[in-house]
């Protein structure tokens, strides 16, 4: 967690993830935002974990004794997975020490310190140091690796025979407002999406070892020699009116969108975003009653032949 800008899908530096490459990141500021985003969007991991457990049981796969969370961020998802797989040791793998410290604190607070541990490793080079596992989970982290197909193959190699690889990538952009918000031009979300796609393409092109490839995650899994490839999409569906935490998350997300896209927006859209982010404006995100949160994340899975 899975967050550059916090604008793509649930966001980068992520709603479910983060940017390991920015050595100047103020983690005292960013880490709580990552935690908030992961907590608000936690239904995705909970739903996916149920499906993964059903997959392992229905296929007669080995019991999950060791689970890796690759690109784990502040550990919200790792702790969810530990609850979902109570017989497993869960290893949160991340390249940011400050986030791993928060993972340890969260696990201790939830009584999971004996089963959730951390491993410092940058991606993709650090994959060779994580050991093997019965289940490997990675959410919104692999698209920060230049050669995504090679990264999937590396995770496949870390699977134990009969193990399951689950990659949460793709889905649908987050929606939080009606198409017509009552001021400015209707369709602001769509215009922000278009700008975000431009940014995402630029981000991908600038990654070390970047390779252009069709983002066919099931195809990557099959090319890695894995079988029984299946995908399923899970929702975060929080209707209006939003509670305080979800509203604060939406406000933070849109603020980062504003910061990232300001120079590319026209004056009318900049003004509309300014109103939405104004905590004193009755039509702002913190006050208007029609703010909701709807988003989708797709999880792609496959099995390593025994």
Protein backbone atom coordinates (compact mmCIF):
# COMPACT_ATOMS: atom_id res chain seq x y z
CA UNK A 1 0.00 0.00 0.00
CA UNK A 2 -0.17 0.29 -0.75
CA UNK A 3 1.17 6.17 -2.55
CA UNK A 4 4.80 11.34 -7.10
CA UNK A 5 1.23 12.55 -6.78
CA UNK A 6 -1.54 11.02 -4.75
CA UNK A 7 -3.83 11.06 -7.76
CA UNK A 8 -3.89 7.75 -9.61
CA UNK A 9 -6.59 5.30 -8.55
CA UNK A 10 -6.56 5.65 -4.78
CA UNK A 11 -3.46 7.68 -5.31
CA UNK A 12 0.23 7.52 -5.36
CA UNK A 13 2.30 7.87 -2.38
CA UNK A 14 -0.56 5.73 -2.29
CA UNK A 15 -4.10 5.49 -1.15
CA UNK A 16 -3.10 1.87 -0.67
CA UNK A 17 0.87 2.64 -1.28
CA UNK A 18 3.72 5.16 -1.50
CA UNK A 19 6.80 6.43 -3.28
CA UNK A 20 10.03 4.80 -2.16
CA UNK A 21 12.16 6.88 -4.51
CA UNK A 22 11.76 10.29 -2.90
CA UNK A 23 14.57 10.59 -0.38
CA UNK A 24 13.23 13.99 0.67
CA UNK A 25 9.78 12.75 1.64
CA UNK A 26 8.55 14.05 4.99
CA UNK A 27 7.28 10.76 6.38
CA UNK A 28 6.00 12.43 9.55
CA UNK A 29 3.45 14.10 7.26
CA UNK A 30 2.99 11.45 4.60
CA UNK A 31 2.81 8.30 6.75
CA UNK A 32 -0.37 9.31 8.62
CA UNK A 33 -2.02 10.13 5.28
CA UNK A 34 -1.04 6.72 3.95
CA UNK A 35 -2.47 5.08 7.05
CA UNK A 36 -5.69 7.07 6.76
CA UNK A 37 -6.07 6.09 3.11
CA UNK A 38 -5.41 2.43 3.83
CA UNK A 39 -7.89 2.42 6.70
CA UNK A 40 -10.63 4.13 4.69
CA UNK A 41 -10.15 1.77 1.73
CA UNK A 42 -9.59 -1.31 3.90
CA UNK A 43 -12.77 -3.05 2.65
CA UNK A 44 -10.84 -3.94 -0.51
CA UNK A 45 -8.23 -5.94 1.40
CA UNK A 46 -10.84 -7.55 3.65
CA UNK A 47 -12.92 -8.67 0.67
CA UNK A 48 -9.88 -9.82 -1.27
CA UNK A 49 -8.59 -11.80 1.71
CA UNK A 50 -11.87 -13.73 1.92
CA UNK A 51 -11.55 -14.60 -1.76
CA UNK A 52 -7.91 -15.62 -1.40
CA UNK A 53 -8.75 -17.86 1.54
CA UNK A 54 -11.58 -19.44 -0.46
CA UNK A 55 -9.21 -19.95 -3.39
CA UNK A 56 -6.63 -21.76 -1.29
CA UNK A 57 -9.22 -23.97 0.39
CA UNK A 58 -11.21 -24.85 -2.75
CA UNK A 59 -8.07 -25.72 -4.71
CA UNK A 60 -6.60 -27.80 -1.92
CA UNK A 61 -3.57 -25.53 -1.81
CA UNK A 62 -1.16 -25.69 1.13
CA UNK A 63 -2.10 -23.93 4.35
CA UNK A 64 -0.74 -20.39 4.36
CA UNK A 65 2.08 -20.51 6.87
CA UNK A 66 4.16 -17.63 5.50
CA UNK A 67 2.73 -14.59 3.74
CA UNK A 68 4.63 -11.71 2.13
CA UNK A 69 3.12 -8.25 1.66
CA UNK A 70 5.33 -6.64 -1.00
CA UNK A 71 5.33 -2.84 -0.88
CA UNK A 72 3.47 -2.88 2.41
CA UNK A 73 3.57 0.82 3.30
CA UNK A 74 2.55 1.54 6.92
CA UNK A 75 1.27 -2.00 7.47
CA UNK A 76 -2.50 -1.58 7.53
CA UNK A 77 -2.96 -4.28 4.90
CA UNK A 78 -0.36 -6.57 6.44
CA UNK A 79 -2.28 -6.56 9.72
CA UNK A 80 -5.55 -7.21 7.89
CA UNK A 81 -3.96 -10.20 6.16
CA UNK A 82 -2.63 -11.48 9.48
CA UNK A 83 -6.17 -11.53 10.86
CA UNK A 84 -7.46 -13.23 7.72
CA UNK A 85 -4.77 -15.93 7.83
CA UNK A 86 -4.37 -16.62 11.56
CA UNK A 87 -1.90 -19.48 11.07
CA UNK A 88 0.50 -17.43 8.97
CA UNK A 89 3.62 -15.45 9.70
CA UNK A 90 3.15 -12.18 7.77
CA UNK A 91 6.21 -10.32 6.53
CA UNK A 92 5.70 -6.68 5.56
CA UNK A 93 8.30 -5.83 2.91
CA UNK A 94 9.00 -2.18 2.16
CA UNK A 95 11.89 0.12 1.28
CA UNK A 96 11.05 2.88 3.78
CA UNK A 97 12.19 2.36 7.40
CA UNK A 98 9.72 4.94 8.76
CA UNK A 99 6.81 2.97 7.33
CA UNK A 100 8.10 -0.32 8.69
CA UNK A 101 8.34 1.28 12.13
CA UNK A 102 4.67 2.19 11.89
CA UNK A 103 3.90 -1.35 10.82
CA UNK A 104 5.57 -2.69 13.93
CA UNK A 105 3.69 -0.25 16.15
CA UNK A 106 0.37 -1.11 14.52
CA UNK A 107 0.96 -4.85 14.85
CA UNK A 108 1.87 -4.47 18.51
CA UNK A 109 -1.23 -2.40 19.19
CA UNK A 110 -3.42 -5.07 17.59
CA UNK A 111 -1.77 -7.94 19.45
CA UNK A 112 -0.14 -9.22 16.26
CA UNK A 113 3.50 -8.53 17.07
CA UNK A 114 4.31 -12.24 17.30
CA UNK A 115 3.10 -12.90 13.75
CA UNK A 116 3.70 -9.66 11.81
CA UNK A 117 7.30 -8.77 11.22
CA UNK A 118 9.04 -6.40 8.85
CA UNK A 119 11.73 -6.69 6.20
CA UNK A 120 13.54 -3.70 4.70
CA UNK A 121 14.04 -4.16 0.96
CA UNK A 122 13.88 -1.93 -2.07
CA UNK A 123 12.06 -3.16 -5.14
CA UNK A 124 12.85 -4.90 -7.39
CA UNK A 125 16.43 -5.70 -6.34
CA UNK A 126 15.47 -6.62 -2.78
CA UNK A 127 13.07 -9.37 -3.85
CA UNK A 128 15.90 -11.88 -3.69
CA UNK A 129 16.19 -11.29 0.07
CA UNK A 130 12.61 -11.88 1.17
CA UNK A 131 12.58 -15.70 1.17
CA UNK A 132 9.73 -17.90 -0.01
CA UNK A 133 6.05 -17.93 0.95
CA UNK A 134 2.76 -19.73 0.51
CA UNK A 135 0.95 -16.49 -0.35
CA UNK A 136 2.44 -13.30 -1.79
CA UNK A 137 0.33 -10.14 -1.86
CA UNK A 138 1.31 -6.87 -3.54
CA UNK A 139 -1.05 -3.90 -3.82
CA UNK A 140 -0.33 -0.88 -6.02
CA UNK A 141 3.45 -1.31 -5.80
CA UNK A 142 4.57 -3.12 -8.95
CA UNK A 143 3.63 -0.29 -11.29
CA UNK A 144 6.50 1.65 -9.66
CA UNK A 145 8.94 -0.90 -11.12
CA UNK A 146 10.21 -0.27 -14.63
CA UNK A 147 9.92 -3.87 -15.81
CA UNK A 148 6.60 -5.00 -14.38
CA UNK A 149 6.61 -8.39 -16.11
CA UNK A 150 10.04 -9.21 -14.69
CA UNK A 151 8.85 -8.18 -11.23
CA UNK A 152 5.90 -10.58 -11.47
CA UNK A 153 8.26 -13.35 -12.54
CA UNK A 154 10.47 -12.63 -9.53
CA UNK A 155 7.52 -12.90 -7.17
CA UNK A 156 6.53 -16.15 -8.84
CA UNK A 157 9.97 -17.55 -8.11
CA UNK A 158 9.54 -16.69 -4.43
CA UNK A 159 6.35 -18.75 -4.21
CA UNK A 160 6.48 -22.18 -2.66
CA UNK A 161 5.08 -25.00 -4.81
CA UNK A 162 1.29 -24.76 -4.70
CA UNK A 163 1.53 -21.17 -3.47
CA UNK A 164 -0.70 -18.29 -4.54
CA UNK A 165 0.39 -14.91 -5.93
CA UNK A 166 -2.07 -12.01 -5.67
CA UNK A 167 -1.40 -8.67 -7.35
CA UNK A 168 -3.78 -5.75 -6.80
CA UNK A 169 -3.31 -3.43 -9.78
CA UNK A 170 -5.79 -1.55 -11.89
CA UNK A 171 -9.48 -1.03 -11.37
CA UNK A 172 -11.36 2.26 -11.64
CA UNK A 173 -10.51 5.80 -10.52
CA UNK A 174 -12.01 7.05 -7.30
CA UNK A 175 -15.21 9.08 -7.50
CA UNK A 176 -16.30 11.38 -4.69
CA UNK A 177 -18.65 13.95 -6.25
CA UNK A 178 -21.54 14.19 -8.69
CA UNK A 179 -20.71 14.99 -12.31
CA UNK A 180 -22.23 18.46 -11.84
CA UNK A 181 -21.14 19.93 -8.51
CA UNK A 182 -23.18 23.12 -8.84
CA UNK A 183 -20.37 25.44 -9.96
CA UNK A 184 -17.69 25.36 -12.61
CA UNK A 185 -17.95 23.12 -15.65
CA UNK A 186 -19.47 19.68 -15.09
CA UNK A 187 -17.09 16.74 -15.50
CA UNK A 188 -14.20 17.89 -13.29
CA UNK A 189 -13.43 14.31 -12.24
CA UNK A 190 -12.98 13.22 -15.85
CA UNK A 191 -10.62 16.08 -16.63
CA UNK A 192 -8.53 15.28 -13.56
CA UNK A 193 -8.44 11.64 -14.66
CA UNK A 194 -7.05 12.66 -18.04
CA UNK A 195 -4.32 14.77 -16.45
CA UNK A 196 -3.49 11.96 -14.08
CA UNK A 197 -3.08 9.51 -16.95
CA UNK A 198 -0.59 11.90 -18.53
CA UNK A 199 1.32 12.09 -15.25
CA UNK A 200 1.24 8.32 -14.82
CA UNK A 201 2.69 7.80 -18.30
CA UNK A 202 5.47 10.28 -17.51
CA UNK A 203 6.16 8.56 -14.18
CA UNK A 204 6.38 5.13 -15.84
CA UNK A 205 8.66 6.41 -18.61
CA UNK A 206 11.08 7.83 -16.04
CA UNK A 207 11.50 4.66 -13.98
CA UNK A 208 14.85 2.82 -14.09
CA UNK A 209 14.71 0.04 -16.66
CA UNK A 210 11.29 1.12 -17.84
CA UNK A 211 9.81 -1.16 -20.49
CA UNK A 212 6.75 -0.46 -22.55
CA UNK A 213 4.33 -3.35 -22.32
CA UNK A 214 0.63 -4.01 -22.50
CA UNK A 215 -0.43 -3.94 -18.84
CA UNK A 216 -1.86 -7.42 -19.01
CA UNK A 217 -1.44 -8.61 -15.45
CA UNK A 218 -3.03 -12.02 -16.07
CA UNK A 219 -0.66 -12.37 -19.01
CA UNK A 220 2.31 -11.50 -16.79
CA UNK A 221 1.23 -14.20 -14.34
CA UNK A 222 0.92 -16.82 -17.08
CA UNK A 223 4.28 -15.82 -18.57
CA UNK A 224 5.84 -16.41 -15.14
CA UNK A 225 4.81 -20.08 -15.39
CA UNK A 226 1.88 -19.74 -12.97
CA UNK A 227 -1.45 -21.45 -13.56
CA UNK A 228 -5.16 -21.11 -12.70
CA UNK A 229 -5.04 -17.38 -13.41
CA UNK A 230 -8.11 -15.54 -12.10
CA UNK A 231 -9.05 -11.93 -11.48
CA UNK A 232 -11.73 -10.30 -9.38
CA UNK A 233 -12.60 -6.68 -8.66
CA UNK A 234 -13.52 -5.34 -5.22
CA UNK A 235 -15.25 -2.10 -4.27
CA UNK A 236 -14.96 0.60 -1.71
CA UNK A 237 -18.50 1.95 -1.62
CA UNK A 238 -19.06 4.58 1.06
CA UNK A 239 -22.27 6.52 0.33
CA UNK A 240 -22.97 10.11 1.29
CA UNK A 241 -22.81 11.55 3.80
CA UNK A 242 -19.24 10.50 4.56
CA UNK A 243 -17.88 10.12 8.07
CA UNK A 244 -15.05 12.29 9.32
CA UNK A 245 -12.15 9.97 8.43
CA UNK A 246 -13.35 9.25 4.91
CA UNK A 247 -14.06 12.93 4.34
CA UNK A 248 -10.57 13.87 5.52
CA UNK A 249 -9.11 11.27 3.15
CA UNK A 250 -11.11 12.66 0.22
CA UNK A 251 -9.99 16.19 1.11
CA UNK A 252 -6.34 15.09 1.21
CA UNK A 253 -6.64 13.26 -2.09
CA UNK A 254 -8.16 16.21 -3.91
CA UNK A 255 -5.63 18.60 -2.36
CA UNK A 256 -2.81 16.53 -3.82
CA UNK A 257 -4.57 16.41 -7.17
CA UNK A 258 -4.84 20.19 -7.06
CA UNK A 259 -1.16 20.55 -6.25
CA UNK A 260 -0.07 18.13 -8.96
CA UNK A 261 -2.32 19.34 -11.76
CA UNK A 262 -2.63 23.06 -11.02
CA UNK A 263 -0.40 24.23 -13.88
CA UNK A 264 -2.31 22.09 -16.40
CA UNK A 265 -5.81 23.09 -15.35
CA UNK A 266 -7.66 26.02 -16.82
CA UNK A 267 -8.69 28.93 -14.63
CA UNK A 268 -12.26 27.70 -14.19
CA UNK A 269 -11.20 24.27 -12.93
CA UNK A 270 -8.57 25.79 -10.65
CA UNK A 271 -11.24 28.02 -9.13
CA UNK A 272 -13.62 25.08 -8.70
CA UNK A 273 -10.96 23.03 -6.95
CA UNK A 274 -10.14 25.99 -4.73
CA UNK A 275 -13.75 26.18 -3.60
CA UNK A 276 -13.95 22.44 -3.01
CA UNK A 277 -10.84 22.54 -0.82
CA UNK A 278 -11.90 25.60 1.18
CA UNK A 279 -12.99 24.26 4.61
CA UNK A 280 -15.18 27.34 5.15
CA UNK A 281 -17.03 27.15 1.83
CA UNK A 282 -20.53 25.61 2.23
CA UNK A 283 -19.94 23.86 -1.13
CA UNK A 284 -16.53 22.57 -0.08
CA UNK A 285 -15.69 18.93 0.53
CA UNK A 286 -15.70 19.29 4.30
CA UNK A 287 -19.25 20.67 4.39
CA UNK A 288 -21.30 19.52 1.43
CA UNK A 289 -23.62 16.57 2.15
CA UNK A 290 -23.26 14.79 -1.22
CA UNK A 291 -19.61 13.72 -0.93
CA UNK A 292 -19.23 9.95 -1.28
CA UNK A 293 -16.39 7.52 -1.99
CA UNK A 294 -16.61 4.88 -4.71
CA UNK A 295 -13.64 3.07 -6.16
CA UNK A 296 -12.63 -0.34 -7.46
CA UNK A 297 -9.43 -2.37 -7.29
CA UNK A 298 -8.76 -5.48 -9.36
CA UNK A 299 -6.83 -8.39 -7.83
CA UNK A 300 -5.10 -10.82 -10.19
CA UNK A 301 -4.13 -14.24 -8.84
CA UNK A 302 -2.35 -17.39 -9.99
CA UNK A 303 -0.91 -20.60 -8.55
CA UNK A 304 2.62 -21.98 -8.72
CA UNK A 305 2.46 -25.60 -9.92
CA UNK A 306 3.32 -28.10 -7.21
